[in-house]
C-alpha cells in the first residue's frame, strides 16, 4: 500500500479520517470549528484541529493528495446561477473550492445530506459542479449511498461527490453489499436505567404520534427491537427526546440507544473515545458520516489513483 497525504475539513469527530488512516493515509491538516468536537477529535487522533476554516489561509495548508470534507449545506444566496466560482462566495463550499484551487490535490471526497442533489430545484448542485469543473476537476462522480447497504443497521442516506484532476481516471462508487443487518448486533449487554424514557415522555410520544396520524402527517416516534433490520436516521437532535429511534424493552418503557450503540450504528470502532457528555456525543454522532460507507468509497478512490 502506497503512502498518501490527505486533509480533513469540517472534520467533526473524524469519521472520514478513520478509514483513510487505516488505508495508509497521513492526515497533514484538519479543521473543525465546534470546540466539543475538537475535544473528541483530539482524544482519538492526538491532534487538535485548526478552528474556523474561513480564517485559515490556503497558503498554510500542507501539500496533500486527497481532500476530504463533510461540509454543511448552506443555501446559496444567488439563485441566478451565474455558473462561476464567485457564485459560491459566502457559503462554506467556497472554503473547499478556494483550497482546491490553491492546492490542486489529485482527488477529493465531499459528503452532504441527500437533499443537496435536489436543493433549490437542482441549482445548488449545478453551481457546485460547475465551480469544481471551473477550477480543474472535470472528472466528477455523484451518488447517494445508504449506510444500511454497507453493513450498518441504520437507514442513513447521504450524498457524495468524488472528483479527480486527471480526466483519464475511471471511478465507480461501491455497490450495495449483500449483508443482512440487525439492530441486535450493535446493542450493549448492560444498559443503565437512565436511558429508559420517563412515563411522561413516553405518553407525550404516543399522543403526538396519534395527533400526527389523525392529521396525515405520519410521524411521531419510531421504535425498534433487536430483530429490526435497521433504525431510522439518527440526527444531531437525538439527545432531546430520541423520537427518531427508540428501542423497545420488555415490561419497560422504550429507551434511548446509548452513545456507544449510536457510535456502532455509525460504524465507529469500540476503541473510539466518546465525549464525556452524552448530549455532546449524541450531537457529534448525529452529525457524523457512516464510517463503513466512507471506507468502501475510499478503497475505490485509492484504487483509481493506484495508491492501494
C-alpha atoms as a PDB file:
ATOM      1  CA  UNK A   1       0.000   0.000   0.000  1.00  0.00           C
ATOM      2  CA  UNK A   2       1.427   3.371  -1.055  1.00  0.00           C
ATOM      3  CA  UNK A   3       1.586   6.282   1.343  1.00  0.00           C
ATOM      4  CA  UNK A   4      -0.575   9.301   0.606  1.00  0.00           C
ATOM      5  CA  UNK A   5      -1.450  12.544   2.358  1.00  0.00           C
ATOM      6  CA  UNK A   6      -4.911  13.930   2.982  1.00  0.00           C
ATOM      7  CA  UNK A   7      -6.639  16.802   4.753  1.00  0.00           C
ATOM      8  CA  UNK A   8      -9.805  16.577   6.857  1.00  0.00           C
ATOM      9  CA  UNK A   9     -12.055  19.656   6.546  1.00  0.00           C
ATOM     10  CA  UNK A  10     -15.277  20.182   8.551  1.00  0.00           C
ATOM     11  CA  UNK A  11     -13.810  17.193  10.339  1.00  0.00           C
ATOM     12  CA  UNK A  12     -16.381  16.731  13.100  1.00  0.00           C
ATOM     13  CA  UNK A  13     -15.070  13.875  15.218  1.00  0.00           C
ATOM     14  CA  UNK A  14     -13.071  12.248  12.439  1.00  0.00           C
ATOM     15  CA  UNK A  15     -15.434   9.774  10.806  1.00  0.00           C
ATOM     16  CA  UNK A  16     -13.826  10.373   7.428  1.00  0.00           C
ATOM     17  CA  UNK A  17     -10.309  10.239   8.821  1.00  0.00           C
ATOM     18  CA  UNK A  18     -10.587   6.775  10.393  1.00  0.00           C
ATOM     19  CA  UNK A  19     -10.790   4.641   7.212  1.00  0.00           C
ATOM     20  CA  UNK A  20      -8.257   6.709   5.259  1.00  0.00           C
ATOM     21  CA  UNK A  21      -5.711   6.326   8.044  1.00  0.00           C
ATOM     22  CA  UNK A  22      -6.437   2.606   8.135  1.00  0.00           C
ATOM     23  CA  UNK A  23      -5.677   2.516   4.412  1.00  0.00           C
ATOM     24  CA  UNK A  24      -2.245   4.070   4.933  1.00  0.00           C
ATOM     25  CA  UNK A  25      -3.009   7.766   4.674  1.00  0.00           C
ATOM     26  CA  UNK A  26      -1.254  10.500   6.616  1.00  0.00           C
ATOM     27  CA  UNK A  27      -3.557  13.316   7.733  1.00  0.00           C
ATOM     28  CA  UNK A  28      -1.498  16.515   7.399  1.00  0.00           C
ATOM     29  CA  UNK A  29      -4.207  19.058   8.301  1.00  0.00           C
ATOM     30  CA  UNK A  30      -7.603  19.084   9.971  1.00  0.00           C
ATOM     31  CA  UNK A  31     -10.175  21.788  10.645  1.00  0.00           C
ATOM     32  CA  UNK A  32     -13.284  21.822  12.855  1.00  0.00           C
ATOM     33  CA  UNK A  33     -14.993  24.844  14.414  1.00  0.00           C
ATOM     34  CA  UNK A  34     -17.010  23.192  17.222  1.00  0.00           C
ATOM     35  CA  UNK A  35     -14.999  23.166  20.466  1.00  0.00           C
ATOM     36  CA  UNK A  36     -16.621  19.990  21.791  1.00  0.00           C
ATOM     37  CA  UNK A  37     -15.981  18.101  18.547  1.00  0.00           C
ATOM     38  CA  UNK A  38     -12.386  19.389  18.594  1.00  0.00           C
ATOM     39  CA  UNK A  39     -12.009  17.855  22.047  1.00  0.00           C
ATOM     40  CA  UNK A  40     -13.297  14.451  20.933  1.00  0.00           C
ATOM     41  CA  UNK A  41     -11.092  14.610  17.837  1.00  0.00           C
ATOM     42  CA  UNK A  42      -8.038  15.276  19.996  1.00  0.00           C
ATOM     43  CA  UNK A  43      -8.874  12.339  22.278  1.00  0.00           C
ATOM     44  CA  UNK A  44      -8.788   9.981  19.326  1.00  0.00           C
ATOM     45  CA  UNK A  45      -6.131  11.333  16.997  1.00  0.00           C
ATOM     46  CA  UNK A  46      -3.849  13.193  19.398  1.00  0.00           C
ATOM     47  CA  UNK A  47      -4.338  16.276  17.245  1.00  0.00           C
ATOM     48  CA  UNK A  48      -6.315  19.413  17.985  1.00  0.00           C
ATOM     49  CA  UNK A  49      -7.959  20.543  14.727  1.00  0.00           C
ATOM     50  CA  UNK A  50      -7.476  24.060  13.448  1.00  0.00           C
ATOM     51  CA  UNK A  51     -10.592  26.132  14.021  1.00  0.00           C
ATOM     52  CA  UNK A  52     -12.724  28.244  11.689  1.00  0.00           C
ATOM     53  CA  UNK A  53     -11.687  27.356   8.126  1.00  0.00           C
ATOM     54  CA  UNK A  54     -12.829  30.782   6.903  1.00  0.00           C
ATOM     55  CA  UNK A  55      -9.954  32.304   8.890  1.00  0.00           C
ATOM     56  CA  UNK A  56      -7.259  29.927   7.623  1.00  0.00           C
ATOM     57  CA  UNK A  57      -5.206  30.855   4.573  1.00  0.00           C
ATOM     58  CA  UNK A  58      -4.899  28.224   1.901  1.00  0.00           C
ATOM     59  CA  UNK A  59      -1.162  29.057   1.920  1.00  0.00           C
ATOM     60  CA  UNK A  60      -0.926  27.489   5.394  1.00  0.00           C
ATOM     61  CA  UNK A  61      -2.323  24.135   4.293  1.00  0.00           C
ATOM     62  CA  UNK A  62       0.334  21.473   3.547  1.00  0.00           C
ATOM     63  CA  UNK A  63       0.592  19.574   0.275  1.00  0.00           C
ATOM     64  CA  UNK A  64      -1.888  16.705   0.074  1.00  0.00           C
ATOM     65  CA  UNK A  65      -3.086  14.111  -2.427  1.00  0.00           C
ATOM     66  CA  UNK A  66      -6.671  13.979  -1.243  1.00  0.00           C
ATOM     67  CA  UNK A  67      -9.141  16.461   0.259  1.00  0.00           C
ATOM     68  CA  UNK A  68     -11.941  15.158   2.500  1.00  0.00           C
ATOM     69  CA  UNK A  69     -14.868  17.334   3.581  1.00  0.00           C
ATOM     70  CA  UNK A  70     -18.290  16.678   5.073  1.00  0.00           C
ATOM     71  CA  UNK A  71     -19.373  20.268   4.635  1.00  0.00           C
ATOM     72  CA  UNK A  72     -22.612  21.859   5.882  1.00  0.00           C
ATOM     73  CA  UNK A  73     -25.051  22.768   3.133  1.00  0.00           C
ATOM     74  CA  UNK A  74     -25.941  26.431   3.333  1.00  0.00           C
ATOM     75  CA  UNK A  75     -28.471  27.940   0.987  1.00  0.00           C
ATOM     76  CA  UNK A  76     -26.764  29.657  -1.942  1.00  0.00           C
ATOM     77  CA  UNK A  77     -27.984  33.236  -1.858  1.00  0.00           C
ATOM     78  CA  UNK A  78     -27.558  33.837  -5.576  1.00  0.00           C
ATOM     79  CA  UNK A  79     -30.371  31.993  -7.346  1.00  0.00           C
ATOM     80  CA  UNK A  80     -29.419  33.430 -10.716  1.00  0.00           C
ATOM     81  CA  UNK A  81     -26.962  30.621 -11.460  1.00  0.00           C
ATOM     82  CA  UNK A  82     -24.074  32.542 -12.998  1.00  0.00           C
ATOM     83  CA  UNK A  83     -22.091  29.297 -13.167  1.00  0.00           C
ATOM     84  CA  UNK A  84     -18.949  30.671 -11.579  1.00  0.00           C
ATOM     85  CA  UNK A  85     -16.522  30.484  -8.696  1.00  0.00           C
ATOM     86  CA  UNK A  86     -17.927  33.737  -7.295  1.00  0.00           C
ATOM     87  CA  UNK A  87     -21.383  32.169  -7.010  1.00  0.00           C
ATOM     88  CA  UNK A  88     -20.147  30.168  -4.021  1.00  0.00           C
ATOM     89  CA  UNK A  89     -18.804  33.108  -2.012  1.00  0.00           C
ATOM     90  CA  UNK A  90     -20.449  33.428   1.361  1.00  0.00           C
ATOM     91  CA  UNK A  91     -21.049  29.666   1.554  1.00  0.00           C
ATOM     92  CA  UNK A  92     -18.918  27.051   3.261  1.00  0.00           C
ATOM     93  CA  UNK A  93     -18.475  25.246  -0.045  1.00  0.00           C
ATOM     94  CA  UNK A  94     -16.424  28.282  -1.100  1.00  0.00           C
ATOM     95  CA  UNK A  95     -13.834  27.333   1.532  1.00  0.00           C
ATOM     96  CA  UNK A  96     -13.436  23.951  -0.157  1.00  0.00           C
ATOM     97  CA  UNK A  97     -13.253  25.416  -3.637  1.00  0.00           C
ATOM     98  CA  UNK A  98     -10.613  28.012  -2.711  1.00  0.00           C
ATOM     99  CA  UNK A  99      -8.414  25.299  -1.156  1.00  0.00           C
ATOM    100  CA  UNK A 100      -8.839  23.043  -4.198  1.00  0.00           C
ATOM    101  CA  UNK A 101      -7.958  25.970  -6.454  1.00  0.00           C
ATOM    102  CA  UNK A 102      -4.814  26.749  -4.455  1.00  0.00           C
ATOM    103  CA  UNK A 103      -3.574  23.262  -3.524  1.00  0.00           C
ATOM    104  CA  UNK A 104      -4.615  21.121  -6.521  1.00  0.00           C
ATOM    105  CA  UNK A 105      -4.898  17.716  -4.797  1.00  0.00           C
ATOM    106  CA  UNK A 106      -5.270  14.733  -7.105  1.00  0.00           C
ATOM    107  CA  UNK A 107      -8.750  13.952  -5.817  1.00  0.00           C
ATOM    108  CA  UNK A 108     -11.430  14.870  -3.290  1.00  0.00           C
ATOM    109  CA  UNK A 109     -14.365  13.302  -1.465  1.00  0.00           C
ATOM    110  CA  UNK A 110     -17.257  15.505  -0.349  1.00  0.00           C
ATOM    111  CA  UNK A 111     -20.222  14.390   1.764  1.00  0.00           C
ATOM    112  CA  UNK A 112     -23.542  16.079   2.401  1.00  0.00           C
ATOM    113  CA  UNK A 113     -27.205  15.402   3.093  1.00  0.00           C
ATOM    114  CA  UNK A 114     -29.135  13.643   0.331  1.00  0.00           C
ATOM    115  CA  UNK A 115     -31.223  16.789  -0.170  1.00  0.00           C
ATOM    116  CA  UNK A 116     -28.252  18.581  -1.732  1.00  0.00           C
ATOM    117  CA  UNK A 117     -28.993  16.810  -5.016  1.00  0.00           C
ATOM    118  CA  UNK A 118     -32.408  18.469  -5.319  1.00  0.00           C
ATOM    119  CA  UNK A 119     -31.834  21.646  -3.284  1.00  0.00           C
ATOM    120  CA  UNK A 120     -33.296  24.742  -4.969  1.00  0.00           C
ATOM    121  CA  UNK A 121     -34.506  22.651  -7.900  1.00  0.00           C
ATOM    122  CA  UNK A 122     -31.003  21.307  -8.516  1.00  0.00           C
ATOM    123  CA  UNK A 123     -29.459  24.778  -8.900  1.00  0.00           C
ATOM    124  CA  UNK A 124     -27.247  24.478  -5.832  1.00  0.00           C
ATOM    125  CA  UNK A 125     -25.671  21.246  -7.053  1.00  0.00           C
ATOM    126  CA  UNK A 126     -25.249  22.699 -10.526  1.00  0.00           C
ATOM    127  CA  UNK A 127     -23.347  25.659  -9.079  1.00  0.00           C
ATOM    128  CA  UNK A 128     -21.126  23.310  -7.064  1.00  0.00           C
ATOM    129  CA  UNK A 129     -20.344  21.031 -10.013  1.00  0.00           C
ATOM    130  CA  UNK A 130     -19.722  23.944 -12.391  1.00  0.00           C
ATOM    131  CA  UNK A 131     -17.372  25.505  -9.856  1.00  0.00           C
ATOM    132  CA  UNK A 132     -15.435  22.254  -9.458  1.00  0.00           C
ATOM    133  CA  UNK A 133     -15.100  21.976 -13.230  1.00  0.00           C
ATOM    134  CA  UNK A 134     -14.008  25.605 -13.485  1.00  0.00           C
ATOM    135  CA  UNK A 135     -11.120  25.063 -11.078  1.00  0.00           C
ATOM    136  CA  UNK A 136      -9.865  21.987 -12.896  1.00  0.00           C
ATOM    137  CA  UNK A 137     -11.895  18.968 -11.757  1.00  0.00           C
ATOM    138  CA  UNK A 138     -13.742  17.890 -14.882  1.00  0.00           C
ATOM    139  CA  UNK A 139     -13.839  14.231 -13.825  1.00  0.00           C
ATOM    140  CA  UNK A 140     -16.747  14.180 -11.334  1.00  0.00           C
ATOM    141  CA  UNK A 141     -18.951  11.468  -9.872  1.00  0.00           C
ATOM    142  CA  UNK A 142     -22.044  11.820  -7.662  1.00  0.00           C
ATOM    143  CA  UNK A 143     -24.119   9.249  -5.810  1.00  0.00           C
ATOM    144  CA  UNK A 144     -26.468   8.748  -2.872  1.00  0.00           C
ATOM    145  CA  UNK A 145     -25.393   5.819  -0.687  1.00  0.00           C
ATOM    146  CA  UNK A 146     -27.143   4.387   2.347  1.00  0.00           C
ATOM    147  CA  UNK A 147     -25.468   3.056   5.500  1.00  0.00           C
ATOM    148  CA  UNK A 148     -27.892   0.109   5.651  1.00  0.00           C
ATOM    149  CA  UNK A 149     -26.461  -1.164   2.363  1.00  0.00           C
ATOM    150  CA  UNK A 150     -22.945  -1.332   3.801  1.00  0.00           C
ATOM    151  CA  UNK A 151     -23.346  -3.418   6.918  1.00  0.00           C
ATOM    152  CA  UNK A 152     -24.744  -0.833   9.334  1.00  0.00           C
ATOM    153  CA  UNK A 153     -28.271  -1.256  10.786  1.00  0.00           C
ATOM    154  CA  UNK A 154     -29.274   2.364  10.177  1.00  0.00           C
ATOM    155  CA  UNK A 155     -31.284   3.858   7.319  1.00  0.00           C
ATOM    156  CA  UNK A 156     -28.964   6.780   6.639  1.00  0.00           C
ATOM    157  CA  UNK A 157     -28.702   8.052   3.067  1.00  0.00           C
ATOM    158  CA  UNK A 158     -26.008  10.596   2.212  1.00  0.00           C
ATOM    159  CA  UNK A 159     -24.914  12.351  -0.965  1.00  0.00           C
ATOM    160  CA  UNK A 160     -21.303  12.032  -2.114  1.00  0.00           C
ATOM    161  CA  UNK A 161     -19.207  13.848  -4.713  1.00  0.00           C
ATOM    162  CA  UNK A 162     -15.867  12.417  -5.858  1.00  0.00           C
ATOM    163  CA  UNK A 163     -13.612  14.341  -8.216  1.00  0.00           C
ATOM    164  CA  UNK A 164     -10.249  13.825  -9.932  1.00  0.00           C
ATOM    165  CA  UNK A 165      -7.799  16.200 -11.604  1.00  0.00           C
ATOM    166  CA  UNK A 166      -6.833  13.529 -14.144  1.00  0.00           C
ATOM    167  CA  UNK A 167      -9.613  13.134 -16.707  1.00  0.00           C
ATOM    168  CA  UNK A 168      -8.343   9.655 -17.692  1.00  0.00           C
ATOM    169  CA  UNK A 169      -9.082   8.135 -14.290  1.00  0.00           C
ATOM    170  CA  UNK A 170     -12.072   5.797 -14.077  1.00  0.00           C
ATOM    171  CA  UNK A 171     -14.015   5.535 -10.824  1.00  0.00           C
ATOM    172  CA  UNK A 172     -17.109   3.711  -9.638  1.00  0.00           C
ATOM    173  CA  UNK A 173     -18.981   4.099  -6.391  1.00  0.00           C
ATOM    174  CA  UNK A 174     -19.182   0.873  -4.365  1.00  0.00           C
ATOM    175  CA  UNK A 175     -22.128  -1.428  -4.947  1.00  0.00           C
ATOM    176  CA  UNK A 176     -24.564  -2.435  -2.230  1.00  0.00           C
ATOM    177  CA  UNK A 177     -23.337  -5.286  -0.070  1.00  0.00           C
ATOM    178  CA  UNK A 178     -25.388  -8.424   0.386  1.00  0.00           C
ATOM    179  CA  UNK A 179     -25.104  -8.284   4.179  1.00  0.00           C
ATOM    180  CA  UNK A 180     -28.087  -8.792   6.470  1.00  0.00           C
ATOM    181  CA  UNK A 181     -28.178  -6.198   9.248  1.00  0.00           C
ATOM    182  CA  UNK A 182     -29.911  -6.442  12.607  1.00  0.00           C
ATOM    183  CA  UNK A 183     -30.279  -3.863  15.375  1.00  0.00           C
ATOM    184  CA  UNK A 184     -29.487  -6.511  17.975  1.00  0.00           C
ATOM    185  CA  UNK A 185     -25.932  -6.746  16.644  1.00  0.00           C
ATOM    186  CA  UNK A 186     -24.999  -3.288  17.949  1.00  0.00           C
ATOM    187  CA  UNK A 187     -26.661  -3.404  21.369  1.00  0.00           C
ATOM    188  CA  UNK A 188     -24.726  -3.266  24.632  1.00  0.00           C
ATOM    189  CA  UNK A 189     -25.251  -6.070  27.141  1.00  0.00           C
ATOM    190  CA  UNK A 190     -25.848  -3.925  30.226  1.00  0.00           C
ATOM    191  CA  UNK A 191     -27.535  -0.533  29.915  1.00  0.00           C
ATOM    192  CA  UNK A 192     -28.271   1.863  32.764  1.00  0.00           C
ATOM    193  CA  UNK A 193     -31.885   2.668  33.605  1.00  0.00           C
ATOM    194  CA  UNK A 194     -31.268   6.344  32.877  1.00  0.00           C
ATOM    195  CA  UNK A 195     -31.591   5.583  29.154  1.00  0.00           C
ATOM    196  CA  UNK A 196     -35.193   4.368  29.630  1.00  0.00           C
ATOM    197  CA  UNK A 197     -37.575   7.213  28.837  1.00  0.00           C
ATOM    198  CA  UNK A 198     -39.911   8.529  31.519  1.00  0.00           C
ATOM    199  CA  UNK A 199     -43.642   7.838  31.701  1.00  0.00           C
ATOM    200  CA  UNK A 200     -44.245  11.485  30.846  1.00  0.00           C
ATOM    201  CA  UNK A 201     -42.068  11.426  27.712  1.00  0.00           C
ATOM    202  CA  UNK A 202     -43.499   8.087  26.589  1.00  0.00           C
ATOM    203  CA  UNK A 203     -47.045   9.466  26.990  1.00  0.00           C
ATOM    204  CA  UNK A 204     -46.050  12.589  25.025  1.00  0.00           C
ATOM    205  CA  UNK A 205     -44.569  10.495  22.199  1.00  0.00           C
ATOM    206  CA  UNK A 206     -47.712   8.384  21.889  1.00  0.00           C
ATOM    207  CA  UNK A 207     -50.046  11.377  21.976  1.00  0.00           C
ATOM    208  CA  UNK A 208     -48.040  13.242  19.329  1.00  0.00           C
ATOM    209  CA  UNK A 209     -47.957  10.209  17.079  1.00  0.00           C
ATOM    210  CA  UNK A 210     -51.743   9.832  17.387  1.00  0.00           C
ATOM    211  CA  UNK A 211     -52.239  13.514  16.501  1.00  0.00           C
ATOM    212  CA  UNK A 212     -49.912  13.276  13.532  1.00  0.00           C
ATOM    213  CA  UNK A 213     -51.609  10.162  12.228  1.00  0.00           C
ATOM    214  CA  UNK A 214     -55.002  11.868  12.564  1.00  0.00           C
ATOM    215  CA  UNK A 215     -53.634  14.798  10.540  1.00  0.00           C
ATOM    216  CA  UNK A 216     -51.997  12.515   7.951  1.00  0.00           C
ATOM    217  CA  UNK A 217     -48.516  13.617   8.995  1.00  0.00           C
ATOM    218  CA  UNK A 218     -47.495  10.056   9.777  1.00  0.00           C
ATOM    219  CA  UNK A 219     -44.601  10.632  12.169  1.00  0.00           C
ATOM    220  CA  UNK A 220     -44.381  10.972  15.909  1.00  0.00           C
ATOM    221  CA  UNK A 221     -41.791   8.491  17.070  1.00  0.00           C
ATOM    222  CA  UNK A 222     -40.232   5.321  15.719  1.00  0.00           C
ATOM    223  CA  UNK A 223     -39.460   2.278  17.845  1.00  0.00           C
ATOM    224  CA  UNK A 224     -37.388  -0.786  17.011  1.00  0.00           C
ATOM    225  CA  UNK A 225     -36.464  -4.109  18.559  1.00  0.00           C
ATOM    226  CA  UNK A 226     -33.485  -6.434  18.414  1.00  0.00           C
ATOM    227  CA  UNK A 227     -34.786  -8.133  15.285  1.00  0.00           C
ATOM    228  CA  UNK A 228     -35.370  -4.918  13.319  1.00  0.00           C
ATOM    229  CA  UNK A 229     -33.189  -4.766  10.213  1.00  0.00           C
ATOM    230  CA  UNK A 230     -32.246  -1.129  10.835  1.00  0.00           C
ATOM    231  CA  UNK A 231     -33.225   2.075  12.608  1.00  0.00           C
ATOM    232  CA  UNK A 232     -34.237   5.430  11.212  1.00  0.00           C
ATOM    233  CA  UNK A 233     -31.540   8.054  10.696  1.00  0.00           C
ATOM    234  CA  UNK A 234     -30.015   9.222  13.965  1.00  0.00           C
ATOM    235  CA  UNK A 235     -29.869  13.028  13.905  1.00  0.00           C
ATOM    236  CA  UNK A 236     -27.931  15.577  15.950  1.00  0.00           C
ATOM    237  CA  UNK A 237     -31.130  16.325  17.910  1.00  0.00           C
ATOM    238  CA  UNK A 238     -31.456  12.733  19.107  1.00  0.00           C
ATOM    239  CA  UNK A 239     -30.486  13.708  22.652  1.00  0.00           C
ATOM    240  CA  UNK A 240     -33.657  15.779  23.038  1.00  0.00           C
ATOM    241  CA  UNK A 241     -36.279  13.032  23.044  1.00  0.00           C
ATOM    242  CA  UNK A 242     -34.996  10.087  20.980  1.00  0.00           C
ATOM    243  CA  UNK A 243     -38.107  10.210  18.811  1.00  0.00           C
ATOM    244  CA  UNK A 244     -36.477   9.015  15.590  1.00  0.00           C
ATOM    245  CA  UNK A 245     -35.234   5.757  17.090  1.00  0.00           C
ATOM    246  CA  UNK A 246     -36.298   4.252  20.408  1.00  0.00           C
ATOM    247  CA  UNK A 247     -35.553   0.685  21.458  1.00  0.00           C
ATOM    248  CA  UNK A 248     -38.474  -1.361  22.753  1.00  0.00           C
ATOM    249  CA  UNK A 249     -37.960  -3.158  26.072  1.00  0.00           C
ATOM    250  CA  UNK A 250     -39.893  -5.942  27.755  1.00  0.00           C
ATOM    251  CA  UNK A 251     -42.034  -4.722  30.664  1.00  0.00           C
ATOM    252  CA  UNK A 252     -40.472  -1.255  30.478  1.00  0.00           C
ATOM    253  CA  UNK A 253     -40.853   1.963  28.560  1.00  0.00           C
ATOM    254  CA  UNK A 254     -38.663   2.167  25.444  1.00  0.00           C
ATOM    255  CA  UNK A 255     -35.143   3.525  25.835  1.00  0.00           C
ATOM    256  CA  UNK A 256     -32.649   5.664  24.009  1.00  0.00           C
ATOM    257  CA  UNK A 257     -29.870   3.930  22.174  1.00  0.00           C
ATOM    258  CA  UNK A 258     -26.755   4.611  24.227  1.00  0.00           C
ATOM    259  CA  UNK A 259     -23.976   6.795  22.789  1.00  0.00           C
ATOM    260  CA  UNK A 260     -21.861   3.678  22.235  1.00  0.00           C
ATOM    261  CA  UNK A 261     -24.718   1.994  20.381  1.00  0.00           C
ATOM    262  CA  UNK A 262     -25.186   5.090  18.212  1.00  0.00           C
ATOM    263  CA  UNK A 263     -21.449   5.055  17.521  1.00  0.00           C
ATOM    264  CA  UNK A 264     -21.799   1.450  16.362  1.00  0.00           C
ATOM    265  CA  UNK A 265     -24.760   2.423  14.161  1.00  0.00           C
ATOM    266  CA  UNK A 266     -22.364   4.895  12.537  1.00  0.00           C
ATOM    267  CA  UNK A 267     -19.561   2.367  12.134  1.00  0.00           C
ATOM    268  CA  UNK A 268     -17.190   3.811  14.746  1.00  0.00           C
ATOM    269  CA  UNK A 269     -14.994   1.137  16.364  1.00  0.00           C
ATOM    270  CA  UNK A 270     -15.475   0.424  20.061  1.00  0.00           C
ATOM    271  CA  UNK A 271     -11.976   1.751  20.756  1.00  0.00           C
ATOM    272  CA  UNK A 272     -13.166   5.202  19.643  1.00  0.00           C
ATOM    273  CA  UNK A 273     -13.295   7.509  22.679  1.00  0.00           C
ATOM    274  CA  UNK A 274     -16.637   9.281  23.011  1.00  0.00           C
ATOM    275  CA  UNK A 275     -17.140  12.688  24.593  1.00  0.00           C
ATOM    276  CA  UNK A 276     -17.718  12.644  28.364  1.00  0.00           C
ATOM    277  CA  UNK A 277     -21.055  14.402  27.794  1.00  0.00           C
ATOM    278  CA  UNK A 278     -23.788  12.125  26.449  1.00  0.00           C
ATOM    279  CA  UNK A 279     -25.510  15.159  24.966  1.00  0.00           C
ATOM    280  CA  UNK A 280     -22.371  16.134  23.056  1.00  0.00           C
ATOM    281  CA  UNK A 281     -21.814  12.528  21.965  1.00  0.00           C
ATOM    282  CA  UNK A 282     -25.328  12.331  20.517  1.00  0.00           C
ATOM    283  CA  UNK A 283     -24.849  15.670  18.721  1.00  0.00           C
ATOM    284  CA  UNK A 284     -21.468  14.679  17.337  1.00  0.00           C
ATOM    285  CA  UNK A 285     -22.500  11.205  16.235  1.00  0.00           C
ATOM    286  CA  UNK A 286     -25.697  12.563  14.691  1.00  0.00           C
ATOM    287  CA  UNK A 287     -23.574  14.888  12.560  1.00  0.00           C
ATOM    288  CA  UNK A 288     -21.021  12.215  11.677  1.00  0.00           C
ATOM    289  CA  UNK A 289     -20.566  10.231   8.489  1.00  0.00           C
ATOM    290  CA  UNK A 290     -21.197   6.458   8.398  1.00  0.00           C
ATOM    291  CA  UNK A 291     -17.630   5.172   8.590  1.00  0.00           C
ATOM    292  CA  UNK A 292     -18.323   1.929   6.682  1.00  0.00           C
ATOM    293  CA  UNK A 293     -19.584   3.837   3.653  1.00  0.00           C
ATOM    294  CA  UNK A 294     -16.531   6.115   3.639  1.00  0.00           C
ATOM    295  CA  UNK A 295     -14.276   3.066   3.847  1.00  0.00           C
ATOM    296  CA  UNK A 296     -15.742   1.454   0.730  1.00  0.00           C
ATOM    297  CA  UNK A 297     -15.705   4.729  -1.231  1.00  0.00           C
ATOM    298  CA  UNK A 298     -12.140   5.356  -0.092  1.00  0.00           C
ATOM    299  CA  UNK A 299     -10.920   1.976  -1.331  1.00  0.00           C
ATOM    300  CA  UNK A 300     -12.317   2.692  -4.773  1.00  0.00           C
ATOM    301  CA  UNK A 301     -10.736   6.179  -4.829  1.00  0.00           C
ATOM    302  CA  UNK A 302      -7.321   4.795  -3.898  1.00  0.00           C
ATOM    303  CA  UNK A 303      -7.659   2.024  -6.488  1.00  0.00           C
ATOM    304  CA  UNK A 304      -8.437   4.651  -9.133  1.00  0.00           C
ATOM    305  CA  UNK A 305      -5.353   6.643  -8.082  1.00  0.00           C
ATOM    306  CA  UNK A 306      -3.164   3.496  -7.942  1.00  0.00           C
ATOM    307  CA  UNK A 307      -2.470   4.226  -4.280  1.00  0.00           C
ATOM    308  CA  UNK A 308      -3.881   0.973  -2.872  1.00  0.00           C
END
